[in-house]
Amino acid sequence: VPDAEESISYGMPAFKYKKKYLVAFCEF
């Protein structure tokens, strides 16, 4: 999804698509 925007959500790396939450990832 090249148009996805990188962000941080709840302290985790995340992506938004069309300004909506797409997916996040994190390490534990």
mmCIF file of all heavy atoms, coordinates in Angstrom:
data_MODEL
# 
_entry.id   MODEL 
# 
loop_
_atom_site.group_PDB 
_atom_site.id 
_atom_site.type_symbol 
_atom_site.label_atom_id 
_atom_site.label_alt_id 
_atom_site.label_comp_id 
_atom_site.label_asym_id 
_atom_site.label_entity_id 
_atom_site.label_seq_id 
_atom_site.pdbx_PDB_ins_code 
_atom_site.Cartn_x 
_atom_site.Cartn_y 
_atom_site.Cartn_z 
_atom_site.occupancy 
_atom_site.B_iso_or_equiv 
_atom_site.pdbx_formal_charge 
_atom_site.auth_seq_id 
_atom_site.auth_comp_id 
_atom_site.auth_asym_id 
_atom_site.auth_atom_id 
_atom_site.pdbx_PDB_model_num 
ATOM 1   N N   . VAL A 1 1  ? 0.862   -1.190 0.000  1.00 0.00 ? 1  VAL A N   1 
ATOM 2   C CA  . VAL A 1 1  ? 0.000   0.000  0.000  1.00 0.00 ? 1  VAL A CA  1 
ATOM 3   C C   . VAL A 1 1  ? 0.900   1.242  0.000  1.00 0.00 ? 1  VAL A C   1 
ATOM 4   O O   . VAL A 1 1  ? 1.129   1.851  1.041  1.00 0.00 ? 1  VAL A O   1 
ATOM 5   C CB  . VAL A 1 1  ? -0.950  0.017  1.222  1.00 0.00 ? 1  VAL A CB  1 
ATOM 6   C CG1 . VAL A 1 1  ? -1.977  1.147  1.092  1.00 0.00 ? 1  VAL A CG1 1 
ATOM 7   C CG2 . VAL A 1 1  ? -1.642  -1.310 1.406  1.00 0.00 ? 1  VAL A CG2 1 
ATOM 8   N N   . PRO A 1 2  ? 1.424   1.609  -1.158 1.00 0.00 ? 2  PRO A N   1 
ATOM 9   C CA  . PRO A 1 2  ? 2.353   2.746  -1.223 1.00 0.00 ? 2  PRO A CA  1 
ATOM 10  C C   . PRO A 1 2  ? 1.769   4.055  -0.703 1.00 0.00 ? 2  PRO A C   1 
ATOM 11  O O   . PRO A 1 2  ? 2.515   4.916  -0.235 1.00 0.00 ? 2  PRO A O   1 
ATOM 12  C CB  . PRO A 1 2  ? 2.685   2.865  -2.715 1.00 0.00 ? 2  PRO A CB  1 
ATOM 13  C CG  . PRO A 1 2  ? 2.317   1.555  -3.312 1.00 0.00 ? 2  PRO A CG  1 
ATOM 14  C CD  . PRO A 1 2  ? 1.233   0.981  -2.460 1.00 0.00 ? 2  PRO A CD  1 
ATOM 15  N N   . ASP A 1 3  ? 0.444   4.196  -0.736 1.00 0.00 ? 3  ASP A N   1 
ATOM 16  C CA  . ASP A 1 3  ? -0.201  5.424  -0.261 1.00 0.00 ? 3  ASP A CA  1 
ATOM 17  C C   . ASP A 1 3  ? -0.408  5.450  1.253  1.00 0.00 ? 3  ASP A C   1 
ATOM 18  O O   . ASP A 1 3  ? -0.876  6.452  1.786  1.00 0.00 ? 3  ASP A O   1 
ATOM 19  C CB  . ASP A 1 3  ? -1.570  5.606  -0.931 1.00 0.00 ? 3  ASP A CB  1 
ATOM 20  C CG  . ASP A 1 3  ? -1.456  5.819  -2.430 1.00 0.00 ? 3  ASP A CG  1 
ATOM 21  O OD1 . ASP A 1 3  ? -0.361  6.183  -2.903 1.00 0.00 ? 3  ASP A OD1 1 
ATOM 22  O OD2 . ASP A 1 3  ? -2.454  5.600  -3.132 1.00 0.00 ? 3  ASP A OD2 1 
ATOM 23  N N   . ALA A 1 4  ? -0.076  4.360  1.929  1.00 0.00 ? 4  ALA A N   1 
ATOM 24  C CA  . ALA A 1 4  ? -0.266  4.315  3.384  1.00 0.00 ? 4  ALA A CA  1 
ATOM 25  C C   . ALA A 1 4  ? 0.686   5.307  4.056  1.00 0.00 ? 4  ALA A C   1 
ATOM 26  O O   . ALA A 1 4  ? 1.829   5.473  3.642  1.00 0.00 ? 4  ALA A O   1 
ATOM 27  C CB  . ALA A 1 4  ? -0.026  2.908  3.903  1.00 0.00 ? 4  ALA A CB  1 
ATOM 28  N N   . GLU A 1 5  ? 0.184   5.938  5.092  1.00 0.00 ? 5  GLU A N   1 
ATOM 29  C CA  . GLU A 1 5  ? 0.935   6.951  5.819  1.00 0.00 ? 5  GLU A CA  1 
ATOM 30  C C   . GLU A 1 5  ? 1.472   6.355  7.120  1.00 0.00 ? 5  GLU A C   1 
ATOM 31  O O   . GLU A 1 5  ? 0.733   5.741  7.883  1.00 0.00 ? 5  GLU A O   1 
ATOM 32  C CB  . GLU A 1 5  ? 0.003   8.124  6.124  1.00 0.00 ? 5  GLU A CB  1 
ATOM 33  C CG  . GLU A 1 5  ? 0.613   9.217  6.930  1.00 0.00 ? 5  GLU A CG  1 
ATOM 34  C CD  . GLU A 1 5  ? -0.419  10.275 7.320  1.00 0.00 ? 5  GLU A CD  1 
ATOM 35  O OE1 . GLU A 1 5  ? -1.467  10.370 6.662  1.00 0.00 ? 5  GLU A OE1 1 
ATOM 36  O OE2 . GLU A 1 5  ? -0.160  10.985 8.291  1.00 0.00 ? 5  GLU A OE2 1 
ATOM 37  N N   . GLU A 1 6  ? 2.771   6.534  7.357  1.00 0.00 ? 6  GLU A N   1 
ATOM 38  C CA  . GLU A 1 6  ? 3.371   6.050  8.598  1.00 0.00 ? 6  GLU A CA  1 
ATOM 39  C C   . GLU A 1 6  ? 2.934   6.929  9.761  1.00 0.00 ? 6  GLU A C   1 
ATOM 40  O O   . GLU A 1 6  ? 2.827   8.151  9.620  1.00 0.00 ? 6  GLU A O   1 
ATOM 41  C CB  . GLU A 1 6  ? 4.895   6.051  8.496  1.00 0.00 ? 6  GLU A CB  1 
ATOM 42  C CG  . GLU A 1 6  ? 5.422   5.029  7.522  1.00 0.00 ? 6  GLU A CG  1 
ATOM 43  C CD  . GLU A 1 6  ? 6.939   4.902  7.551  1.00 0.00 ? 6  GLU A CD  1 
ATOM 44  O OE1 . GLU A 1 6  ? 7.621   5.781  8.117  1.00 0.00 ? 6  GLU A OE1 1 
ATOM 45  O OE2 . GLU A 1 6  ? 7.436   3.917  6.995  1.00 0.00 ? 6  GLU A OE2 1 
ATOM 46  N N   . SER A 1 7  ? 2.682   6.292  10.902 1.00 0.00 ? 7  SER A N   1 
ATOM 47  C CA  . SER A 1 7  ? 2.290   7.031  12.098 1.00 0.00 ? 7  SER A CA  1 
ATOM 48  C C   . SER A 1 7  ? 2.670   6.214  13.329 1.00 0.00 ? 7  SER A C   1 
ATOM 49  O O   . SER A 1 7  ? 3.249   5.139  13.216 1.00 0.00 ? 7  SER A O   1 
ATOM 50  C CB  . SER A 1 7  ? 0.785   7.308  12.070 1.00 0.00 ? 7  SER A CB  1 
ATOM 51  O OG  . SER A 1 7  ? 0.055   6.107  12.144 1.00 0.00 ? 7  SER A OG  1 
ATOM 52  N N   . ILE A 1 8  ? 2.328   6.739  14.467 1.00 0.00 ? 8  ILE A N   1 
ATOM 53  C CA  . ILE A 1 8  ? 2.461   6.015  15.727 1.00 0.00 ? 8  ILE A CA  1 
ATOM 54  C C   . ILE A 1 8  ? 1.061   5.951  16.330 1.00 0.00 ? 8  ILE A C   1 
ATOM 55  O O   . ILE A 1 8  ? 0.361   6.960  16.398 1.00 0.00 ? 8  ILE A O   1 
ATOM 56  C CB  . ILE A 1 8  ? 3.438   6.720  16.696 1.00 0.00 ? 8  ILE A CB  1 
ATOM 57  C CG1 . ILE A 1 8  ? 4.860   6.748  16.119 1.00 0.00 ? 8  ILE A CG1 1 
ATOM 58  C CG2 . ILE A 1 8  ? 3.418   6.052  18.076 1.00 0.00 ? 8  ILE A CG2 1 
ATOM 59  C CD1 . ILE A 1 8  ? 5.573   5.412  16.070 1.00 0.00 ? 8  ILE A CD1 1 
ATOM 60  N N   . SER A 1 9  ? 0.657   4.764  16.753 1.00 0.00 ? 9  SER A N   1 
ATOM 61  C CA  . SER A 1 9  ? -0.644  4.577  17.372 1.00 0.00 ? 9  SER A CA  1 
ATOM 62  C C   . SER A 1 9  ? -0.438  3.786  18.659 1.00 0.00 ? 9  SER A C   1 
ATOM 63  O O   . SER A 1 9  ? 0.139   2.690  18.626 1.00 0.00 ? 9  SER A O   1 
ATOM 64  C CB  . SER A 1 9  ? -1.565  3.816  16.416 1.00 0.00 ? 9  SER A CB  1 
ATOM 65  O OG  . SER A 1 9  ? -2.823  3.597  17.002 1.00 0.00 ? 9  SER A OG  1 
ATOM 66  N N   . TYR A 1 10 ? -0.859  4.353  19.773 1.00 0.00 ? 10 TYR A N   1 
ATOM 67  C CA  . TYR A 1 10 ? -0.665  3.718  21.073 1.00 0.00 ? 10 TYR A CA  1 
ATOM 68  C C   . TYR A 1 10 ? 0.809   3.365  21.311 1.00 0.00 ? 10 TYR A C   1 
ATOM 69  O O   . TYR A 1 10 ? 1.136   2.313  21.856 1.00 0.00 ? 10 TYR A O   1 
ATOM 70  C CB  . TYR A 1 10 ? -1.548  2.481  21.238 1.00 0.00 ? 10 TYR A CB  1 
ATOM 71  C CG  . TYR A 1 10 ? -3.019  2.795  21.197 1.00 0.00 ? 10 TYR A CG  1 
ATOM 72  C CD1 . TYR A 1 10 ? -3.749  2.618  20.027 1.00 0.00 ? 10 TYR A CD1 1 
ATOM 73  C CD2 . TYR A 1 10 ? -3.671  3.307  22.309 1.00 0.00 ? 10 TYR A CD2 1 
ATOM 74  C CE1 . TYR A 1 10 ? -5.106  2.932  19.974 1.00 0.00 ? 10 TYR A CE1 1 
ATOM 75  C CE2 . TYR A 1 10 ? -5.022  3.621  22.269 1.00 0.00 ? 10 TYR A CE2 1 
ATOM 76  C CZ  . TYR A 1 10 ? -5.734  3.427  21.096 1.00 0.00 ? 10 TYR A CZ  1 
ATOM 77  O OH  . TYR A 1 10 ? -7.070  3.744  21.052 1.00 0.00 ? 10 TYR A OH  1 
ATOM 78  N N   . GLY A 1 11 ? 1.704   4.223  20.842 1.00 0.00 ? 11 GLY A N   1 
ATOM 79  C CA  . GLY A 1 11 ? 3.134   4.036  21.037 1.00 0.00 ? 11 GLY A CA  1 
ATOM 80  C C   . GLY A 1 11 ? 3.774   3.033  20.094 1.00 0.00 ? 11 GLY A C   1 
ATOM 81  O O   . GLY A 1 11 ? 4.943   2.703  20.243 1.00 0.00 ? 11 GLY A O   1 
ATOM 82  N N   . MET A 1 12 ? 3.004   2.538  19.123 1.00 0.00 ? 12 MET A N   1 
ATOM 83  C CA  . MET A 1 12 ? 3.506   1.520  18.193 1.00 0.00 ? 12 MET A CA  1 
ATOM 84  C C   . MET A 1 12 ? 3.586   2.075  16.779 1.00 0.00 ? 12 MET A C   1 
ATOM 85  O O   . MET A 1 12 ? 2.745   2.895  16.385 1.00 0.00 ? 12 MET A O   1 
ATOM 86  C CB  . MET A 1 12 ? 2.574   0.307  18.182 1.00 0.00 ? 12 MET A CB  1 
ATOM 87  C CG  . MET A 1 12 ? 2.421   -0.382 19.499 1.00 0.00 ? 12 MET A CG  1 
ATOM 88  S SD  . MET A 1 12 ? 1.293   -1.796 19.395 1.00 0.00 ? 12 MET A SD  1 
ATOM 89  C CE  . MET A 1 12 ? -0.261  -0.991 19.028 1.00 0.00 ? 12 MET A CE  1 
ATOM 90  N N   . PRO A 1 13 ? 4.541   1.590  15.987 1.00 0.00 ? 13 PRO A N   1 
ATOM 91  C CA  . PRO A 1 13 ? 4.566   1.960  14.570 1.00 0.00 ? 13 PRO A CA  1 
ATOM 92  C C   . PRO A 1 13 ? 3.272   1.493  13.916 1.00 0.00 ? 13 PRO A C   1 
ATOM 93  O O   . PRO A 1 13 ? 2.827   0.365  14.133 1.00 0.00 ? 13 PRO A O   1 
ATOM 94  C CB  . PRO A 1 13 ? 5.755   1.188  14.009 1.00 0.00 ? 13 PRO A CB  1 
ATOM 95  C CG  . PRO A 1 13 ? 6.605   0.870  15.182 1.00 0.00 ? 13 PRO A CG  1 
ATOM 96  C CD  . PRO A 1 13 ? 5.658   0.714  16.334 1.00 0.00 ? 13 PRO A CD  1 
ATOM 97  N N   . ALA A 1 14 ? 2.688   2.372  13.136 1.00 0.00 ? 14 ALA A N   1 
ATOM 98  C CA  . ALA A 1 14 ? 1.400   2.063  12.518 1.00 0.00 ? 14 ALA A CA  1 
ATOM 99  C C   . ALA A 1 14 ? 1.326   2.695  11.139 1.00 0.00 ? 14 ALA A C   1 
ATOM 100 O O   . ALA A 1 14 ? 2.141   3.545  10.778 1.00 0.00 ? 14 ALA A O   1 
ATOM 101 C CB  . ALA A 1 14 ? 0.267   2.583  13.397 1.00 0.00 ? 14 ALA A CB  1 
ATOM 102 N N   . PHE A 1 15 ? 0.340   2.263  10.400 1.00 0.00 ? 15 PHE A N   1 
ATOM 103 C CA  . PHE A 1 15 ? 0.055   2.833  9.087  1.00 0.00 ? 15 PHE A CA  1 
ATOM 104 C C   . PHE A 1 15 ? -1.410  3.228  9.046  1.00 0.00 ? 15 PHE A C   1 
ATOM 105 O O   . PHE A 1 15 ? -2.269  2.531  9.589  1.00 0.00 ? 15 PHE A O   1 
ATOM 106 C CB  . PHE A 1 15 ? 0.341   1.816  7.974  1.00 0.00 ? 15 PHE A CB  1 
ATOM 107 C CG  . PHE A 1 15 ? 1.799   1.624  7.704  1.00 0.00 ? 15 PHE A CG  1 
ATOM 108 C CD1 . PHE A 1 15 ? 2.537   0.707  8.424  1.00 0.00 ? 15 PHE A CD1 1 
ATOM 109 C CD2 . PHE A 1 15 ? 2.445   2.384  6.731  1.00 0.00 ? 15 PHE A CD2 1 
ATOM 110 C CE1 . PHE A 1 15 ? 3.883   0.528  8.181  1.00 0.00 ? 15 PHE A CE1 1 
ATOM 111 C CE2 . PHE A 1 15 ? 3.795   2.215  6.483  1.00 0.00 ? 15 PHE A CE2 1 
ATOM 112 C CZ  . PHE A 1 15 ? 4.518   1.280  7.208  1.00 0.00 ? 15 PHE A CZ  1 
ATOM 113 N N   . LYS A 1 16 ? -1.663  4.336  8.378  1.00 0.00 ? 16 LYS A N   1 
ATOM 114 C CA  . LYS A 1 16 ? -3.029  4.784  8.122  1.00 0.00 ? 16 LYS A CA  1 
ATOM 115 C C   . LYS A 1 16 ? -3.237  4.776  6.616  1.00 0.00 ? 16 LYS A C   1 
ATOM 116 O O   . LYS A 1 16 ? -2.313  5.011  5.854  1.00 0.00 ? 16 LYS A O   1 
ATOM 117 C CB  . LYS A 1 16 ? -3.245  6.201  8.652  1.00 0.00 ? 16 LYS A CB  1 
ATOM 118 C CG  . LYS A 1 16 ? -3.233  6.298  10.150 1.00 0.00 ? 16 LYS A CG  1 
ATOM 119 C CD  . LYS A 1 16 ? -3.482  7.721  10.590 1.00 0.00 ? 16 LYS A CD  1 
ATOM 120 C CE  . LYS A 1 16 ? -3.488  7.801  12.098 1.00 0.00 ? 16 LYS A CE  1 
ATOM 121 N NZ  . LYS A 1 16 ? -3.746  9.180  12.553 1.00 0.00 ? 16 LYS A NZ  1 
ATOM 122 N N   . TYR A 1 17 ? -4.465  4.504  6.238  1.00 0.00 ? 17 TYR A N   1 
ATOM 123 C CA  . TYR A 1 17 ? -4.848  4.543  4.833  1.00 0.00 ? 17 TYR A CA  1 
ATOM 124 C C   . TYR A 1 17 ? -6.120  5.370  4.747  1.00 0.00 ? 17 TYR A C   1 
ATOM 125 O O   . TYR A 1 17 ? -7.096  5.084  5.460  1.00 0.00 ? 17 TYR A O   1 
ATOM 126 C CB  . TYR A 1 17 ? -5.067  3.124  4.299  1.00 0.00 ? 17 TYR A CB  1 
ATOM 127 C CG  . TYR A 1 17 ? -5.494  3.076  2.856  1.00 0.00 ? 17 TYR A CG  1 
ATOM 128 C CD1 . TYR A 1 17 ? -4.604  3.415  1.845  1.00 0.00 ? 17 TYR A CD1 1 
ATOM 129 C CD2 . TYR A 1 17 ? -6.782  2.706  2.515  1.00 0.00 ? 17 TYR A CD2 1 
ATOM 130 C CE1 . TYR A 1 17 ? -4.998  3.381  0.514  1.00 0.00 ? 17 TYR A CE1 1 
ATOM 131 C CE2 . TYR A 1 17 ? -7.182  2.667  1.184  1.00 0.00 ? 17 TYR A CE2 1 
ATOM 132 C CZ  . TYR A 1 17 ? -6.286  3.007  0.196  1.00 0.00 ? 17 TYR A CZ  1 
ATOM 133 O OH  . TYR A 1 17 ? -6.677  2.980  -1.128 1.00 0.00 ? 17 TYR A OH  1 
ATOM 134 N N   . LYS A 1 18 ? -6.094  6.389  3.919  1.00 0.00 ? 18 LYS A N   1 
ATOM 135 C CA  . LYS A 1 18 ? -7.226  7.316  3.811  1.00 0.00 ? 18 LYS A CA  1 
ATOM 136 C C   . LYS A 1 18 ? -7.600  7.854  5.190  1.00 0.00 ? 18 LYS A C   1 
ATOM 137 O O   . LYS A 1 18 ? -8.771  7.933  5.557  1.00 0.00 ? 18 LYS A O   1 
ATOM 138 C CB  . LYS A 1 18 ? -8.414  6.656  3.123  1.00 0.00 ? 18 LYS A CB  1 
ATOM 139 C CG  . LYS A 1 18 ? -8.127  6.291  1.686  1.00 0.00 ? 18 LYS A CG  1 
ATOM 140 C CD  . LYS A 1 18 ? -9.357  5.820  0.966  1.00 0.00 ? 18 LYS A CD  1 
ATOM 141 C CE  . LYS A 1 18 ? -9.011  5.554  -0.492 1.00 0.00 ? 18 LYS A CE  1 
ATOM 142 N NZ  . LYS A 1 18 ? -10.157 5.199  -1.289 1.00 0.00 ? 18 LYS A NZ  1 
ATOM 143 N N   . LYS A 1 19 ? -6.557  8.156  5.977  1.00 0.00 ? 19 LYS A N   1 
ATOM 144 C CA  . LYS A 1 19 ? -6.681  8.737  7.325  1.00 0.00 ? 19 LYS A CA  1 
ATOM 145 C C   . LYS A 1 19 ? -7.310  7.793  8.347  1.00 0.00 ? 19 LYS A C   1 
ATOM 146 O O   . LYS A 1 19 ? -7.674  8.199  9.440  1.00 0.00 ? 19 LYS A O   1 
ATOM 147 C CB  . LYS A 1 19 ? -7.412  10.072 7.284  1.00 0.00 ? 19 LYS A CB  1 
ATOM 148 C CG  . LYS A 1 19 ? -6.733  11.100 6.400  1.00 0.00 ? 19 LYS A CG  1 
ATOM 149 C CD  . LYS A 1 19 ? -7.315  12.472 6.606  1.00 0.00 ? 19 LYS A CD  1 
ATOM 150 C CE  . LYS A 1 19 ? -6.733  13.485 5.650  1.00 0.00 ? 19 LYS A CE  1 
ATOM 151 N NZ  . LYS A 1 19 ? -5.371  13.856 5.864  1.00 0.00 ? 19 LYS A NZ  1 
ATOM 152 N N   . LYS A 1 20 ? -7.428  6.514  8.018  1.00 0.00 ? 20 LYS A N   1 
ATOM 153 C CA  . LYS A 1 20 ? -7.982  5.528  8.941  1.00 0.00 ? 20 LYS A CA  1 
ATOM 154 C C   . LYS A 1 20 ? -6.912  4.487  9.274  1.00 0.00 ? 20 LYS A C   1 
ATOM 155 O O   . LYS A 1 20 ? -6.071  4.159  8.454  1.00 0.00 ? 20 LYS A O   1 
ATOM 156 C CB  . LYS A 1 20 ? -9.216  4.849  8.341  1.00 0.00 ? 20 LYS A CB  1 
ATOM 157 C CG  . LYS A 1 20 ? -10.357 5.817  8.133  1.00 0.00 ? 20 LYS A CG  1 
ATOM 158 C CD  . LYS A 1 20 ? -11.580 5.101  7.673  1.00 0.00 ? 20 LYS A CD  1 
ATOM 159 C CE  . LYS A 1 20 ? -12.720 6.090  7.491  1.00 0.00 ? 20 LYS A CE  1 
ATOM 160 N NZ  . LYS A 1 20 ? -13.934 5.438  7.046  1.00 0.00 ? 20 LYS A NZ  1 
ATOM 161 N N   . TYR A 1 21 ? -7.008  3.937  10.478 1.00 0.00 ? 21 TYR A N   1 
ATOM 162 C CA  . TYR A 1 21 ? -6.061  2.927  10.946 1.00 0.00 ? 21 TYR A CA  1 
ATOM 163 C C   . TYR A 1 21 ? -6.033  1.740  9.991  1.00 0.00 ? 21 TYR A C   1 
ATOM 164 O O   . TYR A 1 21 ? -7.077  1.171  9.680  1.00 0.00 ? 21 TYR A O   1 
ATOM 165 C CB  . TYR A 1 21 ? -6.468  2.471  12.353 1.00 0.00 ? 21 TYR A CB  1 
ATOM 166 C CG  . TYR A 1 21 ? -5.633  1.356  12.902 1.00 0.00 ? 21 TYR A CG  1 
ATOM 167 C CD1 . TYR A 1 21 ? -4.440  1.623  13.552 1.00 0.00 ? 21 TYR A CD1 1 
ATOM 168 C CD2 . TYR A 1 21 ? -6.030  0.032  12.758 1.00 0.00 ? 21 TYR A CD2 1 
ATOM 169 C CE1 . TYR A 1 21 ? -3.662  0.589  14.063 1.00 0.00 ? 21 TYR A CE1 1 
ATOM 170 C CE2 . TYR A 1 21 ? -5.261  -0.999 13.270 1.00 0.00 ? 21 TYR A CE2 1 
ATOM 171 C CZ  . TYR A 1 21 ? -4.073  -0.714 13.912 1.00 0.00 ? 21 TYR A CZ  1 
ATOM 172 O OH  . TYR A 1 21 ? -3.307  -1.734 14.411 1.00 0.00 ? 21 TYR A OH  1 
ATOM 173 N N   . LEU A 1 22 ? -4.836  1.389  9.551  1.00 0.00 ? 22 LEU A N   1 
ATOM 174 C CA  . LEU A 1 22 ? -4.655  0.242  8.660  1.00 0.00 ? 22 LEU A CA  1 
ATOM 175 C C   . LEU A 1 22 ? -4.126  -0.950 9.450  1.00 0.00 ? 22 LEU A C   1 
ATOM 176 O O   . LEU A 1 22 ? -4.779  -1.988 9.559  1.00 0.00 ? 22 LEU A O   1 
ATOM 177 C CB  . LEU A 1 22 ? -3.702  0.605  7.518  1.00 0.00 ? 22 LEU A CB  1 
ATOM 178 C CG  . LEU A 1 22 ? -3.359  -0.473 6.519  1.00 0.00 ? 22 LEU A CG  1 
ATOM 179 C CD1 . LEU A 1 22 ? -4.601  -0.931 5.755  1.00 0.00 ? 22 LEU A CD1 1 
ATOM 180 C CD2 . LEU A 1 22 ? -2.301  0.032  5.534  1.00 0.00 ? 22 LEU A CD2 1 
ATOM 181 N N   . VAL A 1 23 ? -2.935  -0.803 10.019 1.00 0.00 ? 23 VAL A N   1 
ATOM 182 C CA  . VAL A 1 23 ? -2.289  -1.884 10.749 1.00 0.00 ? 23 VAL A CA  1 
ATOM 183 C C   . VAL A 1 23 ? -1.139  -1.299 11.565 1.00 0.00 ? 23 VAL A C   1 
ATOM 184 O O   . VAL A 1 23 ? -0.610  -0.242 11.225 1.00 0.00 ? 23 VAL A O   1 
ATOM 185 C CB  . VAL A 1 23 ? -1.797  -2.976 9.760  1.00 0.00 ? 23 VAL A CB  1 
ATOM 186 C CG1 . VAL A 1 23 ? -0.691  -2.469 8.882  1.00 0.00 ? 23 VAL A CG1 1 
ATOM 187 C CG2 . VAL A 1 23 ? -1.392  -4.249 10.448 1.00 0.00 ? 23 VAL A CG2 1 
ATOM 188 N N   . ALA A 1 24 ? -0.758  -1.989 12.632 1.00 0.00 ? 24 ALA A N   1 
ATOM 189 C CA  . ALA A 1 24 ? 0.396   -1.580 13.433 1.00 0.00 ? 24 ALA A CA  1 
ATOM 190 C C   . ALA A 1 24 ? 1.247   -2.811 13.709 1.00 0.00 ? 24 ALA A C   1 
ATOM 191 O O   . ALA A 1 24 ? 0.812   -3.951 13.502 1.00 0.00 ? 24 ALA A O   1 
ATOM 192 C CB  . ALA A 1 24 ? -0.053  -0.940 14.744 1.00 0.00 ? 24 ALA A CB  1 
ATOM 193 N N   . PHE A 1 25 ? 2.460   -2.573 14.160 1.00 0.00 ? 25 PHE A N   1 
ATOM 194 C CA  . PHE A 1 25 ? 3.349   -3.666 14.554 1.00 0.00 ? 25 PHE A CA  1 
ATOM 195 C C   . PHE A 1 25 ? 4.207   -3.204 15.710 1.00 0.00 ? 25 PHE A C   1 
ATOM 196 O O   . PHE A 1 25 ? 4.368   -2.005 15.937 1.00 0.00 ? 25 PHE A O   1 
ATOM 197 C CB  . PHE A 1 25 ? 4.205   -4.156 13.373 1.00 0.00 ? 25 PHE A CB  1 
ATOM 198 C CG  . PHE A 1 25 ? 5.061   -3.095 12.731 1.00 0.00 ? 25 PHE A CG  1 
ATOM 199 C CD1 . PHE A 1 25 ? 6.345   -2.840 13.187 1.00 0.00 ? 25 PHE A CD1 1 
ATOM 200 C CD2 . PHE A 1 25 ? 4.586   -2.361 11.654 1.00 0.00 ? 25 PHE A CD2 1 
ATOM 201 C CE1 . PHE A 1 25 ? 7.143   -1.879 12.587 1.00 0.00 ? 25 PHE A CE1 1 
ATOM 202 C CE2 . PHE A 1 25 ? 5.371   -1.396 11.038 1.00 0.00 ? 25 PHE A CE2 1 
ATOM 203 C CZ  . PHE A 1 25 ? 6.655   -1.147 11.519 1.00 0.00 ? 25 PHE A CZ  1 
ATOM 204 N N   . CYS A 1 26 ? 4.753   -4.164 16.448 1.00 0.00 ? 26 CYS A N   1 
ATOM 205 C CA  . CYS A 1 26 ? 5.525   -3.800 17.639 1.00 0.00 ? 26 CYS A CA  1 
ATOM 206 C C   . CYS A 1 26 ? 6.351   -4.990 18.094 1.00 0.00 ? 26 CYS A C   1 
ATOM 207 O O   . CYS A 1 26 ? 6.051   -6.137 17.748 1.00 0.00 ? 26 CYS A O   1 
ATOM 208 C CB  . CYS A 1 26 ? 4.546   -3.392 18.735 1.00 0.00 ? 26 CYS A CB  1 
ATOM 209 S SG  . CYS A 1 26 ? 5.294   -2.564 20.135 1.00 0.00 ? 26 CYS A SG  1 
ATOM 210 N N   . GLU A 1 27 ? 7.387   -4.694 18.876 1.00 0.00 ? 27 GLU A N   1 
ATOM 211 C CA  . GLU A 1 27 ? 8.176   -5.773 19.465 1.00 0.00 ? 27 GLU A CA  1 
ATOM 212 C C   . GLU A 1 27 ? 7.926   -5.796 20.965 1.00 0.00 ? 27 GLU A C   1 
ATOM 213 O O   . GLU A 1 27 ? 7.651   -4.770 21.575 1.00 0.00 ? 27 GLU A O   1 
ATOM 214 C CB  . GLU A 1 27 ? 9.664   -5.618 19.140 1.00 0.00 ? 27 GLU A CB  1 
ATOM 215 C CG  . GLU A 1 27 ? 10.297  -4.311 19.561 1.00 0.00 ? 27 GLU A CG  1 
ATOM 216 C CD  . GLU A 1 27 ? 10.852  -4.291 20.962 1.00 0.00 ? 27 GLU A CD  1 
ATOM 217 O OE1 . GLU A 1 27 ? 11.209  -5.340 21.505 1.00 0.00 ? 27 GLU A OE1 1 
ATOM 218 O OE2 . GLU A 1 27 ? 10.910  -3.198 21.539 1.00 0.00 ? 27 GLU A OE2 1 
ATOM 219 N N   . PHE A 1 28 ? 8.004   -6.990 21.505 1.00 0.00 ? 28 PHE A N   1 
ATOM 220 C CA  . PHE A 1 28 ? 7.846   -7.215 22.931 1.00 0.00 ? 28 PHE A CA  1 
ATOM 221 C C   . PHE A 1 28 ? 9.004   -8.091 23.392 1.00 0.00 ? 28 PHE A C   1 
ATOM 222 O O   . PHE A 1 28 ? 9.824   -8.512 22.586 1.00 0.00 ? 28 PHE A O   1 
ATOM 223 C CB  . PHE A 1 28 ? 6.495   -7.888 23.221 1.00 0.00 ? 28 PHE A CB  1 
ATOM 224 C CG  . PHE A 1 28 ? 5.322   -7.021 22.863 1.00 0.00 ? 28 PHE A CG  1 
ATOM 225 C CD1 . PHE A 1 28 ? 4.749   -7.097 21.601 1.00 0.00 ? 28 PHE A CD1 1 
ATOM 226 C CD2 . PHE A 1 28 ? 4.812   -6.116 23.769 1.00 0.00 ? 28 PHE A CD2 1 
ATOM 227 C CE1 . PHE A 1 28 ? 3.675   -6.293 21.247 1.00 0.00 ? 28 PHE A CE1 1 
ATOM 228 C CE2 . PHE A 1 28 ? 3.740   -5.298 23.429 1.00 0.00 ? 28 PHE A CE2 1 
ATOM 229 C CZ  . PHE A 1 28 ? 3.167   -5.395 22.169 1.00 0.00 ? 28 PHE A CZ  1 
# 
